[in-house]
Amino acid sequence: QVQLVESGGGLVQAGGSLRLSCAASGRTFSSGAMGWFRQAPGKEREFVAAISWGAGVTYYAGSVTGRFTISRDNTKNTVWLQMNDLKPEDTAVYYCAASTVVTMSATWYNYWGQGTQVTVSS
């Protein structure tokens, strides 16, 4: 049974930073990708960033490029999302997810964490 556990969310002022962590257990990931998605109230879940387990290739949504950085440690089965220069529009529940393929589409992510709230005040 694969489990993903996020941590690191919270309340921060605009311009501040947060670092989210996602620890995976239940299997060893050597291929596919880990992704971060977010869902704001009244909006659909959207892709934020992804990283392939193999080569470590990264993908970002245009709205976070240059501000967010995704990274991973294969030995620890852990992925991080460093979020800098946060804006009020970044407020959402952030989810990490695991996929057996490298993709930015939520449809292909088989495993999801419970989510962690990020709130950015103006």
Protein backbone atom coordinates (compact mmCIF):
# COMPACT_ATOMS: atom_id res chain seq x y z
CA GLN A 1 0.00 0.00 0.00
CA VAL A 2 1.56 3.25 -1.16
CA GLN A 3 1.24 6.17 1.21
CA LEU A 4 2.15 9.78 0.55
CA VAL A 5 2.37 12.17 3.46
CA GLU A 6 2.73 15.91 2.92
CA SER A 7 3.95 18.43 5.43
CA GLY A 8 5.14 22.02 5.54
CA GLY A 9 2.03 23.99 4.74
CA GLY A 10 0.97 27.04 6.71
CA LEU A 11 0.21 30.73 6.70
CA VAL A 12 2.70 33.16 5.18
CA GLN A 13 2.66 36.75 4.03
CA ALA A 14 2.94 37.65 0.38
CA GLY A 15 6.56 37.54 -0.72
CA GLY A 16 7.41 34.87 1.82
CA SER A 17 8.53 31.28 1.37
CA LEU A 18 7.42 27.81 2.36
CA ARG A 19 8.87 24.37 1.75
CA LEU A 20 6.55 21.43 1.32
CA SER A 21 7.69 17.85 1.83
CA CYS A 22 6.18 14.61 0.59
CA ALA A 23 7.37 11.32 2.02
CA ALA A 24 6.42 8.19 0.10
CA SER A 25 6.27 4.71 1.59
CA GLY A 26 5.06 1.29 0.57
CA ARG A 27 7.22 0.92 -2.52
CA THR A 28 10.50 2.08 -3.98
CA PHE A 29 10.12 4.58 -6.77
CA SER A 30 12.72 4.30 -9.53
CA SER A 31 10.66 5.35 -12.53
CA GLY A 32 7.71 7.54 -13.28
CA ALA A 33 7.26 10.88 -11.56
CA MET A 34 6.18 12.68 -8.46
CA GLY A 35 4.01 15.72 -8.86
CA TRP A 36 2.52 18.57 -6.89
CA PHE A 37 -0.97 19.77 -7.58
CA ARG A 38 -3.12 22.37 -5.86
CA GLN A 39 -6.78 23.15 -5.49
CA ALA A 40 -8.15 26.51 -4.43
CA PRO A 41 -11.72 26.92 -3.15
CA GLY A 42 -14.20 26.81 -6.00
CA LYS A 43 -11.55 25.89 -8.54
CA GLU A 44 -10.42 22.69 -10.20
CA ARG A 45 -7.26 20.91 -9.16
CA GLU A 46 -4.31 22.17 -11.19
CA PHE A 47 -0.80 20.99 -11.94
CA VAL A 48 2.02 22.82 -10.17
CA ALA A 49 5.24 20.87 -10.71
CA ALA A 50 6.59 17.39 -11.38
CA ILE A 51 9.92 15.62 -11.31
CA SER A 52 10.93 12.31 -12.83
CA TRP A 53 12.40 9.76 -10.46
CA GLY A 54 14.98 8.63 -12.99
CA ALA A 55 16.73 11.58 -14.59
CA GLY A 56 15.26 14.21 -12.30
CA VAL A 57 13.74 16.19 -15.16
CA THR A 58 11.46 18.91 -13.83
CA TYR A 59 8.25 20.43 -15.15
CA TYR A 60 6.44 23.54 -13.93
CA ALA A 61 3.20 25.34 -14.50
CA GLY A 62 3.74 28.74 -16.04
CA SER A 63 2.28 30.49 -13.02
CA VAL A 64 5.01 29.17 -10.71
CA THR A 65 8.03 29.05 -13.01
CA GLY A 66 10.91 30.96 -11.49
CA ARG A 67 9.34 30.96 -8.02
CA PHE A 68 8.87 27.27 -7.16
CA THR A 69 11.47 24.51 -7.27
CA ILE A 70 10.76 20.80 -7.08
CA SER A 71 13.45 18.37 -5.97
CA ARG A 72 13.70 14.77 -4.83
CA ASP A 73 15.88 12.34 -2.94
CA ASN A 74 15.51 8.85 -4.35
CA THR A 75 17.21 7.25 -1.37
CA LYS A 76 14.63 8.76 0.97
CA ASN A 77 11.63 8.49 -1.37
CA THR A 78 10.99 12.14 -0.61
CA VAL A 79 10.05 15.10 -2.77
CA TRP A 80 10.13 18.76 -1.83
CA LEU A 81 8.50 21.86 -3.24
CA GLN A 82 10.33 25.06 -2.38
CA MET A 83 7.97 27.98 -2.85
CA ASN A 84 9.42 31.49 -2.92
CA ASP A 85 7.86 34.90 -3.56
CA LEU A 86 4.46 33.53 -2.65
CA LYS A 87 1.39 35.39 -3.82
CA PRO A 88 -2.19 35.39 -2.48
CA GLU A 89 -3.25 33.50 -5.61
CA ASP A 90 -1.00 30.62 -4.50
CA THR A 91 -3.43 29.95 -1.65
CA ALA A 92 -4.72 26.40 -2.00
CA VAL A 93 -4.54 22.88 -0.67
CA TYR A 94 -1.39 21.33 -2.09
CA TYR A 95 -1.27 17.63 -2.89
CA CYS A 96 1.64 15.43 -3.81
CA ALA A 97 1.02 12.50 -6.09
CA ALA A 98 2.88 9.58 -7.65
CA SER A 99 2.65 8.29 -11.19
CA THR A 100 4.25 5.35 -12.99
CA VAL A 101 4.76 7.57 -16.02
CA VAL A 102 6.27 11.02 -16.40
CA THR A 103 3.32 13.30 -16.94
CA MET A 104 1.72 16.58 -15.89
CA SER A 105 -1.78 15.16 -16.17
CA ALA A 106 -3.51 14.40 -12.88
CA THR A 107 -5.36 11.56 -14.61
CA TRP A 108 -2.20 9.47 -14.66
CA TYR A 109 -1.31 9.90 -11.00
CA ASN A 110 -2.31 6.78 -9.11
CA TYR A 111 -1.44 7.75 -5.57
CA TRP A 112 -2.29 10.94 -3.70
CA GLY A 113 -1.47 12.45 -0.35
CA GLN A 114 -4.03 13.96 1.97
CA GLY A 115 -3.07 17.53 1.13
CA THR A 116 -1.60 20.41 3.08
CA GLN A 117 -3.05 23.92 3.29
CA VAL A 118 -1.02 26.87 2.08
CA THR A 119 -2.43 30.31 2.81
CA VAL A 120 -0.78 33.48 1.58
CA SER A 121 -1.99 36.74 3.05
CA SER A 122 -1.71 40.04 1.22
